[in-house]
Amino acid sequence: MVTLQKSKWKHFWNGWDSLNRSKEVLYSYTKKISEINPLQFFHNGSANFKGQRFFWTNRARNEMIVGLGITLQFSSNENGKERYLEIEKRWKQIVANSFCHSPNSHIGPYMFGGFSFDPKRERTPLWEKFAHTEFVLPTVMLTIKDDEAFLTYNFFTDTSKEKVNQTLLLEEALLKDGTHSYGSSELSSFLEMDPIEWKQSIEEVKRRIVAGHMDKVVLARELRTKFLDSINVESVLSILLEEQPSCYVFAFEREDNCFIGASPEQLVQKESEIVKSMCLAGSIARGKTIAEDENLGDTLLSDSKNLQEHDFVVQMISNSLKAVCQQVTTGDRPKLYKLKHIQHLFTSVIGELKDDVSIFQLIERLHPTPALGGYPKEISLETIREVEVLDRGWYAGPIGWMNLKGDGEFAVAIRSALLQEKEASLFAGCGIVENSDPESEYEETRIKFKPMLSALGGIRHHDSNE
């Protein structure tokens, strides 16, 4: 067995032994493997990496990433643009001192993580396991891209050979196939946090808008649920993957906490000099019949309140990208983006970057868009800090990844929840403009809670209160 293991990993160890150890070097080794269900791989990793796992898939489902373990962790509670500059600087240092073997130039080590919505907002115990900025380089990573699967191992050269070998020996267990029915826990209680106060805050924001302080503010609220048993992350992911096919699906564990969601909204994608973003603002429910659904969609496409909300986002994103792009192309008019429980107004934005602009610089320019913060940005953020009865934490913040080339993709972490053993805090928000109706906005947030409630098994309880 020892001889077989040495033979199997000969190429890995040849590369490891050839490295210069006068300074810390990242050794990243990627190999092509037979395709495996990424959720199965995530589940298999729980035996050795529970609390240190992440899961990600893009909306097209042609790129899926699962990370296990932590080779490098970067955390920061800086509250300005420094939080973007810090992680960018640290990652560049790692890249400059790395040795990577991969059969595919696009596959290798990824840095995965996210940012809180507002680092200037005072933190509460709810989010104590999550820094304002948190990124990890996983020890073992599965990447599935365009129907090809790859396994990547990441170690720094000061890691002992014994520890490296112990990780390599886990491969058979990590790649083990299986069929699982992930059970869900039974809901025991259901609490809407401060709904009356939240509606009152809408009236306060409308007064400020009428007074000319800003044009739009997004207000969010929390729904807290408790279950009889610990929530099974794999079960929640499985349902999100099935029920939300046009969404990013993500999970990021921090010890016994897990931030999880299914977001339809792209913040930014960078591939070489091409940058993409999307404007997603303006919402209405799905219809119970095809005719009703089409009527609701037509209503949304002609509704002045929703079109105004949407236009704020289009103008902000396109103008932000024009400053760093040679050209920017924006869709002529909003289209419908239909999900299981809701449909949105949607406009795509594509640009060609002028210079060497990093994905973190793009995030700093774009976050938060008026779809999640308001317009103009700074006064809207200040208003949210003053009137919103919620610590958003990572809700509505950027979450995603970046590779060695500096390419990457980040979603806006909406339709999300923070899982804490037997409890889950769900988050939803909506845009407030001059003619917003508090009851209508309240009902909109109820619709936006549904994707996570369905995945958690609590949607019947929620609907019974309508």
Protein backbone atom coordinates (compact mmCIF):
# COMPACT_ATOMS: atom_id res chain seq x y z
CA MET A 1 0.00 0.00 0.00
CA VAL A 2 2.82 2.42 0.88
CA THR A 3 4.52 1.64 -2.46
CA LEU A 4 1.27 2.28 -4.33
CA GLN A 5 0.78 5.59 -2.52
CA LYS A 6 4.35 6.69 -3.37
CA SER A 7 3.79 5.80 -7.00
CA LYS A 8 0.43 7.56 -7.13
CA TRP A 9 1.83 10.78 -5.71
CA LYS A 10 5.29 10.68 -7.30
CA HIS A 11 4.70 13.75 -9.47
CA PHE A 12 3.30 15.69 -6.51
CA TRP A 13 6.28 14.91 -4.28
CA ASN A 14 8.80 15.64 -7.05
CA GLY A 15 7.40 19.14 -7.29
CA TRP A 16 7.25 19.55 -3.53
CA ASP A 17 10.87 18.46 -3.03
CA SER A 18 12.15 20.79 -5.77
CA LEU A 19 10.90 23.99 -4.10
CA ASN A 20 13.20 26.65 -2.69
CA ARG A 21 12.49 26.84 1.05
CA SER A 22 14.43 30.01 1.78
CA LYS A 23 11.05 31.80 1.82
CA GLU A 24 7.41 30.81 2.22
CA VAL A 25 6.05 29.45 -1.07
CA LEU A 26 2.53 28.30 -1.95
CA TYR A 27 2.60 24.91 -3.64
CA SER A 28 -0.62 24.28 -5.55
CA TYR A 29 -1.11 20.94 -7.29
CA THR A 30 -4.11 20.31 -9.55
CA LYS A 31 -5.10 17.06 -11.23
CA LYS A 32 -7.99 16.10 -13.44
CA ILE A 33 -10.43 13.60 -11.92
CA SER A 34 -13.60 11.79 -12.86
CA GLU A 35 -16.61 14.01 -12.34
CA ILE A 36 -18.23 13.91 -8.92
CA ASN A 37 -21.35 15.57 -7.59
CA PRO A 38 -20.04 18.71 -5.85
CA LEU A 39 -22.64 18.43 -3.09
CA GLN A 40 -21.42 14.88 -2.43
CA PHE A 41 -17.85 16.17 -2.19
CA PHE A 42 -19.01 18.91 0.21
CA HIS A 43 -20.75 16.27 2.32
CA ASN A 44 -17.74 13.93 2.28
CA GLY A 45 -15.60 16.75 3.60
CA SER A 46 -17.65 17.10 6.78
CA ALA A 47 -15.77 14.27 8.51
CA ASN A 48 -12.45 16.14 8.50
CA PHE A 49 -13.30 19.75 7.59
CA LYS A 50 -16.64 20.53 9.25
CA GLY A 51 -16.83 24.29 9.89
CA GLN A 52 -14.18 24.94 7.24
CA ARG A 53 -16.09 24.34 4.00
CA PHE A 54 -17.42 26.53 1.23
CA PHE A 55 -19.68 25.86 -1.75
CA TRP A 56 -20.25 27.97 -4.84
CA THR A 57 -21.95 27.65 -8.20
CA ASN A 58 -22.62 30.30 -10.81
CA ARG A 59 -26.06 30.87 -12.31
CA ALA A 60 -25.29 28.89 -15.47
CA ARG A 61 -24.15 25.88 -13.41
CA ASN A 62 -21.07 25.50 -15.65
CA GLU A 63 -18.65 26.45 -12.86
CA MET A 64 -18.92 24.92 -9.42
CA ILE A 65 -16.36 25.20 -6.64
CA VAL A 66 -16.11 23.42 -3.28
CA GLY A 67 -13.38 24.20 -0.77
CA LEU A 68 -12.36 22.13 2.27
CA GLY A 69 -10.00 23.19 5.03
CA ILE A 70 -8.01 26.38 5.44
CA THR A 71 -4.45 26.75 4.16
CA LEU A 72 -4.61 30.55 4.42
CA GLN A 73 -7.18 32.72 6.15
CA PHE A 74 -7.41 36.47 5.73
CA SER A 75 -9.62 38.46 8.11
CA SER A 76 -9.98 42.20 8.52
CA ASN A 77 -12.31 44.61 10.25
CA GLU A 78 -11.09 47.70 8.36
CA ASN A 79 -14.06 49.95 7.67
CA GLY A 80 -13.08 51.77 4.48
CA LYS A 81 -11.64 51.03 1.07
CA GLU A 82 -8.62 49.64 2.95
CA ARG A 83 -10.49 46.35 3.35
CA TYR A 84 -10.41 45.86 -0.43
CA LEU A 85 -6.80 46.99 -0.75
CA GLU A 86 -5.61 44.71 2.06
CA ILE A 87 -6.96 41.49 0.59
CA GLU A 88 -5.73 42.45 -2.89
CA LYS A 89 -2.22 43.18 -1.59
CA ARG A 90 -2.07 39.94 0.39
CA TRP A 91 -3.26 37.83 -2.54
CA LYS A 92 -0.71 39.41 -4.89
CA GLN A 93 2.03 38.51 -2.42
CA ILE A 94 0.85 34.90 -2.38
CA VAL A 95 0.67 34.77 -6.18
CA ALA A 96 4.19 36.19 -6.52
CA ASN A 97 5.55 33.39 -4.31
CA SER A 98 3.67 30.41 -5.66
CA PHE A 99 4.43 27.28 -7.64
CA CYS A 100 1.40 25.87 -9.43
CA HIS A 101 1.00 22.65 -11.36
CA SER A 102 -2.23 22.24 -13.33
CA PRO A 103 -3.30 20.47 -16.53
CA ASN A 104 -5.60 23.45 -17.24
CA SER A 105 -4.30 27.02 -17.14
CA HIS A 106 -7.69 28.29 -15.93
CA ILE A 107 -7.83 25.91 -12.95
CA GLY A 108 -5.80 26.27 -9.77
CA PRO A 109 -5.98 27.89 -6.34
CA TYR A 110 -8.93 30.19 -5.67
CA MET A 111 -9.34 32.66 -2.82
CA PHE A 112 -12.96 32.49 -1.68
CA GLY A 113 -14.83 34.76 0.71
CA GLY A 114 -16.82 37.91 1.12
CA PHE A 115 -17.44 41.27 2.70
CA SER A 116 -20.02 42.59 5.11
CA PHE A 117 -22.58 44.97 3.68
CA ASP A 118 -21.42 47.95 5.74
CA PRO A 119 -18.16 47.84 7.74
CA LYS A 120 -19.07 51.09 9.49
CA ARG A 121 -22.17 49.56 11.05
CA GLU A 122 -21.69 48.46 14.65
CA ARG A 123 -21.45 44.69 14.84
CA THR A 124 -23.77 42.59 17.01
CA PRO A 125 -23.26 39.09 18.50
CA LEU A 126 -25.32 37.63 15.63
CA TRP A 127 -22.34 37.99 13.25
CA GLU A 128 -19.48 37.50 15.73
CA LYS A 129 -18.03 34.54 13.76
CA PHE A 130 -17.69 36.65 10.59
CA ALA A 131 -15.19 39.48 10.18
CA HIS A 132 -16.11 42.42 7.94
CA THR A 133 -13.71 40.91 5.37
CA GLU A 134 -13.04 37.17 5.33
CA PHE A 135 -11.26 35.11 2.67
CA VAL A 136 -9.79 31.63 2.69
CA LEU A 137 -7.47 29.63 0.48
CA PRO A 138 -8.78 26.06 0.89
CA THR A 139 -6.50 23.09 1.52
CA VAL A 140 -8.47 20.88 -0.88
CA MET A 141 -10.62 22.28 -3.65
CA LEU A 142 -12.95 20.71 -6.21
CA THR A 143 -13.52 22.71 -9.40
CA ILE A 144 -16.03 21.64 -12.03
CA LYS A 145 -15.83 23.79 -15.14
CA ASP A 146 -17.52 23.04 -18.45
CA ASP A 147 -18.17 19.40 -17.48
CA GLU A 148 -14.57 18.72 -16.45
CA ALA A 149 -13.59 18.07 -12.82
CA PHE A 150 -10.33 18.98 -11.12
CA LEU A 151 -8.94 18.47 -7.62
CA THR A 152 -6.51 21.05 -6.23
CA TYR A 153 -4.29 20.77 -3.15
CA ASN A 154 -2.80 23.91 -1.60
CA PHE A 155 0.06 23.86 0.92
CA PHE A 156 2.70 26.30 2.07
CA THR A 157 6.23 24.95 2.13
CA ASP A 158 6.53 25.23 5.92
CA THR A 159 3.84 22.51 6.25
CA SER A 160 5.24 19.24 7.53
CA LYS A 161 5.43 16.32 5.10
CA GLU A 162 3.43 14.24 7.56
CA LYS A 163 0.54 16.70 7.53
CA VAL A 164 0.64 16.98 3.74
CA ASN A 165 0.60 13.20 3.39
CA GLN A 166 -2.31 12.87 5.82
CA THR A 167 -4.34 15.23 3.63
CA LEU A 168 -3.45 13.40 0.42
CA LEU A 169 -4.56 10.12 1.97
CA LEU A 170 -8.06 11.56 2.42
CA GLU A 171 -8.63 11.65 -1.32
CA GLU A 172 -10.38 8.30 -1.63
CA ALA A 173 -12.85 9.20 1.11
CA LEU A 174 -13.45 12.68 -0.34
CA LEU A 175 -14.20 11.33 -3.81
CA LYS A 176 -16.41 8.50 -2.60
CA ASP A 177 -19.69 8.41 -4.49
CA GLY A 178 -22.98 7.89 -2.71
CA THR A 179 -26.66 8.60 -2.69
CA HIS A 180 -27.99 10.63 0.21
CA SER A 181 -31.35 11.86 1.31
CA TYR A 182 -30.48 14.81 3.50
CA GLY A 183 -33.14 15.09 6.16
CA SER A 184 -34.52 18.46 7.21
CA SER A 185 -35.28 19.49 10.78
CA GLU A 186 -38.78 20.33 11.97
CA LEU A 187 -39.58 24.00 12.54
CA SER A 188 -40.36 24.80 16.17
CA SER A 189 -40.80 28.58 16.18
CA PHE A 190 -41.04 31.48 13.81
CA LEU A 191 -40.48 35.16 14.69
CA GLU A 192 -40.64 38.26 12.50
CA MET A 193 -38.23 40.78 14.00
CA ASP A 194 -39.89 44.17 14.66
CA PRO A 195 -42.34 44.27 11.68
CA ILE A 196 -44.23 47.30 13.02
CA GLU A 197 -41.07 49.28 13.65
CA TRP A 198 -39.83 48.30 10.19
CA LYS A 199 -42.96 49.72 8.54
CA GLN A 200 -42.54 52.90 10.57
CA SER A 201 -38.98 53.21 9.30
CA ILE A 202 -40.34 53.21 5.74
CA GLU A 203 -42.43 56.26 6.56
CA GLU A 204 -39.35 57.97 8.03
CA VAL A 205 -37.33 57.24 4.90
CA LYS A 206 -40.15 58.54 2.68
CA ARG A 207 -40.16 61.81 4.66
CA ARG A 208 -36.44 62.20 4.01
CA ILE A 209 -36.89 61.43 0.30
CA VAL A 210 -39.69 64.02 -0.01
CA ALA A 211 -37.40 66.52 1.75
CA GLY A 212 -34.85 65.95 -1.02
CA HIS A 213 -32.14 64.16 0.99
CA MET A 214 -31.98 61.16 -1.35
CA ASP A 215 -33.92 59.38 -4.11
CA LYS A 216 -34.02 55.80 -2.84
CA VAL A 217 -33.10 53.77 0.25
CA VAL A 218 -33.18 49.99 0.62
CA LEU A 219 -34.48 48.75 3.97
CA ALA A 220 -34.05 45.14 5.07
CA ARG A 221 -35.55 43.07 7.84
CA GLU A 222 -34.94 39.74 9.60
CA LEU A 223 -37.03 36.62 10.05
CA ARG A 224 -35.77 34.31 12.80
CA THR A 225 -36.59 30.60 12.84
CA LYS A 226 -35.83 27.80 15.31
CA PHE A 227 -35.79 24.05 14.66
CA LEU A 228 -35.97 20.94 16.81
CA ASP A 229 -32.61 19.66 15.53
CA SER A 230 -29.47 21.17 14.04
CA ILE A 231 -29.97 22.41 10.49
CA ASN A 232 -28.36 20.21 7.84
CA VAL A 233 -26.38 22.46 5.48
CA GLU A 234 -26.30 19.80 2.75
CA SER A 235 -30.10 19.52 2.86
CA VAL A 236 -30.52 23.28 2.45
CA LEU A 237 -28.02 23.38 -0.43
CA SER A 238 -29.71 20.43 -2.15
CA ILE A 239 -33.09 22.18 -2.16
CA LEU A 240 -31.64 25.52 -3.25
CA LEU A 241 -29.86 23.84 -6.17
CA GLU A 242 -33.10 22.18 -7.25
CA GLU A 243 -35.52 25.05 -6.71
CA GLN A 244 -33.36 28.04 -7.73
CA PRO A 245 -31.77 27.01 -11.05
CA SER A 246 -31.07 30.58 -12.25
CA CYS A 247 -29.26 31.66 -9.10
CA TYR A 248 -25.82 31.58 -7.59
CA VAL A 249 -25.91 29.08 -4.73
CA PHE A 250 -23.32 29.54 -2.00
CA ALA A 251 -22.42 28.44 1.51
CA PHE A 252 -19.56 29.68 3.68
CA GLU A 253 -18.91 27.98 7.03
CA ARG A 254 -17.29 29.63 10.01
CA GLU A 255 -17.08 27.07 12.81
CA ASP A 256 -20.70 26.22 13.77
CA ASN A 257 -22.15 29.06 11.68
CA CYS A 258 -22.93 28.94 7.98
CA PHE A 259 -23.91 31.82 5.70
CA ILE A 260 -25.93 30.36 2.85
CA GLY A 261 -28.10 31.57 0.02
CA ALA A 262 -29.36 31.49 -3.56
CA SER A 263 -28.83 34.90 -5.14
CA PRO A 264 -30.00 35.86 -8.62
CA GLU A 265 -27.83 38.98 -8.60
CA GLN A 266 -24.35 39.31 -10.06
CA LEU A 267 -22.25 42.15 -8.69
CA VAL A 268 -19.25 41.73 -10.96
CA GLN A 269 -17.42 39.19 -13.10
CA LYS A 270 -13.92 39.84 -14.45
CA GLU A 271 -12.32 37.71 -17.15
CA SER A 272 -9.13 39.28 -18.48
CA GLU A 273 -10.14 42.79 -19.65
CA ILE A 274 -13.88 42.02 -19.89
CA VAL A 275 -16.09 43.01 -16.96
CA LYS A 276 -19.77 42.13 -16.52
CA SER A 277 -22.39 43.29 -14.07
CA MET A 278 -26.16 43.23 -13.87
CA CYS A 279 -28.87 45.59 -12.72
CA LEU A 280 -31.57 43.74 -10.79
CA ALA A 281 -34.16 46.00 -9.20
CA GLY A 282 -37.93 46.16 -9.34
CA SER A 283 -39.96 43.11 -8.31
CA ILE A 284 -43.37 41.49 -8.49
CA ALA A 285 -44.76 38.07 -7.59
CA ARG A 286 -45.08 35.11 -10.00
CA GLY A 287 -48.56 34.24 -11.20
CA LYS A 288 -50.41 31.03 -10.38
CA THR A 289 -51.26 30.54 -14.07
CA ILE A 290 -49.38 31.35 -17.28
CA ALA A 291 -51.81 34.15 -18.09
CA GLU A 292 -51.60 35.67 -14.63
CA ASP A 293 -47.81 35.41 -14.68
CA GLU A 294 -47.60 37.23 -18.03
CA ASN A 295 -49.98 39.94 -16.79
CA LEU A 296 -47.88 40.47 -13.67
CA GLY A 297 -44.72 40.66 -15.79
CA ASP A 298 -46.32 43.23 -18.10
CA THR A 299 -47.41 45.23 -15.06
CA LEU A 300 -43.85 45.25 -13.72
CA LEU A 301 -42.43 46.37 -17.10
CA SER A 302 -44.75 49.41 -17.10
CA ASP A 303 -44.79 50.29 -13.39
CA SER A 304 -43.31 53.75 -12.82
CA LYS A 305 -42.19 53.07 -9.24
CA ASN A 306 -40.27 49.92 -10.17
CA LEU A 307 -38.86 51.44 -13.38
CA GLN A 308 -37.56 54.39 -11.36
CA GLU A 309 -35.91 52.03 -8.85
CA HIS A 310 -34.35 50.08 -11.69
CA ASP A 311 -33.05 53.16 -13.50
CA PHE A 312 -31.13 54.29 -10.40
CA VAL A 313 -29.22 51.00 -10.50
CA VAL A 314 -28.56 51.14 -14.25
CA GLN A 315 -27.21 54.68 -14.08
CA MET A 316 -24.98 54.00 -11.07
CA ILE A 317 -23.44 50.76 -12.40
CA SER A 318 -22.91 52.03 -15.96
CA ASN A 319 -21.37 55.31 -14.74
CA SER A 320 -19.10 53.50 -12.26
CA LEU A 321 -17.81 51.22 -15.01
CA LYS A 322 -17.42 54.00 -17.60
CA ALA A 323 -14.75 55.56 -15.37
CA VAL A 324 -12.52 52.46 -15.72
CA CYS A 325 -13.61 51.07 -19.10
CA GLN A 326 -12.84 51.93 -22.71
CA GLN A 327 -16.46 51.20 -23.55
CA VAL A 328 -19.58 50.09 -21.72
CA THR A 329 -22.61 48.43 -23.29
CA THR A 330 -25.94 48.50 -21.48
CA GLY A 331 -29.19 46.84 -22.47
CA ASP A 332 -31.67 49.20 -24.15
CA ARG A 333 -34.56 48.42 -21.81
CA PRO A 334 -35.23 46.21 -18.79
CA LYS A 335 -36.17 42.59 -19.30
CA LEU A 336 -37.86 40.14 -16.95
CA TYR A 337 -35.77 37.79 -14.81
CA LYS A 338 -38.14 35.09 -13.59
CA LEU A 339 -37.45 32.97 -10.52
CA LYS A 340 -39.63 30.44 -8.71
CA HIS A 341 -41.35 32.87 -6.35
CA ILE A 342 -40.63 36.30 -7.85
CA GLN A 343 -39.76 38.13 -11.07
CA HIS A 344 -37.45 41.11 -11.40
CA LEU A 345 -36.51 43.83 -13.85
CA PHE A 346 -33.08 43.02 -15.29
CA THR A 347 -30.52 44.88 -17.42
CA SER A 348 -27.06 43.57 -18.32
CA VAL A 349 -23.92 45.73 -18.39
CA ILE A 350 -20.66 44.73 -20.13
CA GLY A 351 -17.44 46.73 -20.30
CA GLU A 352 -13.89 46.52 -21.61
CA LEU A 353 -11.41 47.67 -18.96
CA LYS A 354 -8.93 50.43 -19.76
CA ASP A 355 -6.01 49.49 -17.60
CA ASP A 356 -4.96 46.93 -15.01
CA VAL A 357 -8.06 47.27 -12.83
CA SER A 358 -8.43 44.53 -10.21
CA ILE A 359 -11.67 42.81 -9.31
CA PHE A 360 -11.40 44.24 -5.79
CA GLN A 361 -11.17 47.75 -7.22
CA LEU A 362 -14.33 47.01 -9.19
CA ILE A 363 -16.09 45.74 -6.07
CA GLU A 364 -15.08 48.89 -4.21
CA ARG A 365 -16.57 51.02 -7.01
CA LEU A 366 -19.82 49.05 -7.31
CA HIS A 367 -20.74 48.00 -3.79
CA PRO A 368 -23.36 48.67 -2.69
CA THR A 369 -25.41 49.33 -5.79
CA PRO A 370 -28.69 51.25 -5.41
CA ALA A 371 -30.42 47.84 -5.55
CA LEU A 372 -29.13 47.10 -2.02
CA GLY A 373 -28.15 50.46 -0.55
CA GLY A 374 -29.92 53.32 -2.26
CA TYR A 375 -29.17 56.44 -4.25
CA PRO A 376 -27.04 58.48 -3.79
CA LYS A 377 -24.77 55.97 -2.08
CA GLU A 378 -23.30 57.70 0.97
CA ILE A 379 -26.42 59.45 2.25
CA SER A 380 -28.41 56.25 1.72
CA LEU A 381 -25.90 54.24 3.76
CA GLU A 382 -26.02 56.81 6.53
CA THR A 383 -29.80 56.65 6.54
CA ILE A 384 -29.75 52.86 6.76
CA ARG A 385 -27.43 53.05 9.78
CA GLU A 386 -29.83 55.47 11.48
CA VAL A 387 -33.22 53.86 10.81
CA GLU A 388 -32.75 50.16 10.01
CA VAL A 389 -33.32 47.87 13.01
CA LEU A 390 -30.97 45.16 11.76
CA ASP A 391 -27.32 44.14 11.69
CA ARG A 392 -27.07 43.02 8.05
CA GLY A 393 -23.66 41.43 8.52
CA TRP A 394 -22.84 39.67 5.26
CA TYR A 395 -26.39 39.93 3.94
CA ALA A 396 -26.35 41.96 0.66
CA GLY A 397 -22.55 42.07 0.69
CA PRO A 398 -20.28 40.76 -2.08
CA ILE A 399 -19.47 37.03 -1.93
CA GLY A 400 -17.34 35.11 -4.42
CA TRP A 401 -13.84 34.17 -5.54
CA MET A 402 -10.66 35.24 -7.34
CA ASN A 403 -8.01 33.10 -9.04
CA LEU A 404 -4.26 33.49 -9.60
CA LYS A 405 -4.82 35.48 -12.79
CA GLY A 406 -6.93 38.05 -10.98
CA ASP A 407 -10.13 36.89 -12.65
CA GLY A 408 -13.15 36.11 -10.53
CA GLU A 409 -16.83 36.53 -9.89
CA PHE A 410 -18.87 37.98 -7.03
CA ALA A 411 -22.58 37.76 -6.36
CA VAL A 412 -24.65 40.01 -4.14
CA ALA A 413 -25.52 37.89 -1.11
CA ILE A 414 -29.30 38.30 -1.11
CA ARG A 415 -31.97 35.58 -0.60
CA SER A 416 -29.72 34.38 2.18
CA ALA A 417 -29.67 33.19 5.77
CA LEU A 418 -27.26 32.75 8.65
CA LEU A 419 -27.49 29.22 10.06
CA GLN A 420 -26.47 28.73 13.69
CA GLU A 421 -27.00 25.11 14.73
CA LYS A 422 -30.77 24.95 15.45
CA GLU A 423 -31.51 28.56 14.46
CA ALA A 424 -31.61 30.49 11.20
CA SER A 425 -31.82 34.23 10.58
CA LEU A 426 -33.26 35.07 7.17
CA PHE A 427 -32.91 38.46 5.50
CA ALA A 428 -34.85 40.35 2.83
CA GLY A 429 -35.07 43.96 1.72
CA CYS A 430 -36.82 46.26 -0.72
CA GLY A 431 -36.25 49.65 -2.28
CA ILE A 432 -38.08 52.63 -0.81
CA VAL A 433 -38.89 55.60 -3.04
CA GLU A 434 -41.24 58.57 -2.64
CA ASN A 435 -44.46 56.68 -3.45
CA SER A 436 -43.66 53.39 -1.66
CA ASP A 437 -46.47 51.77 0.34
CA PRO A 438 -45.29 50.14 3.62
CA GLU A 439 -47.76 47.24 3.35
CA SER A 440 -46.75 46.50 -0.24
CA GLU A 441 -43.06 46.60 0.69
CA TYR A 442 -43.75 44.29 3.63
CA GLU A 443 -45.44 41.79 1.30
CA GLU A 444 -42.51 42.03 -1.12
CA THR A 445 -40.10 40.99 1.64
CA ARG A 446 -42.36 38.05 2.47
CA ILE A 447 -41.98 36.85 -1.12
CA LYS A 448 -38.21 37.32 -0.93
CA PHE A 449 -38.02 35.17 2.21
CA LYS A 450 -39.59 32.22 0.37
CA PRO A 451 -36.49 30.72 -1.34
CA MET A 452 -34.68 30.23 1.97
CA LEU A 453 -37.83 29.30 3.87
CA SER A 454 -38.59 26.62 1.31
CA ALA A 455 -35.06 25.24 1.57
CA LEU A 456 -35.34 25.19 5.36
CA GLY A 457 -38.76 23.54 5.32
CA GLY A 458 -40.62 26.43 6.91
CA ILE A 459 -42.57 27.81 3.97
CA ARG A 460 -45.90 26.21 4.93
CA HIS A 461 -45.75 27.94 8.32
CA HIS A 462 -44.88 31.24 6.63
CA ASP A 463 -47.70 30.98 4.07
CA SER A 464 -50.25 30.10 6.74
CA ASN A 465 -49.73 33.57 8.22
CA GLU A 466 -50.70 35.34 4.99
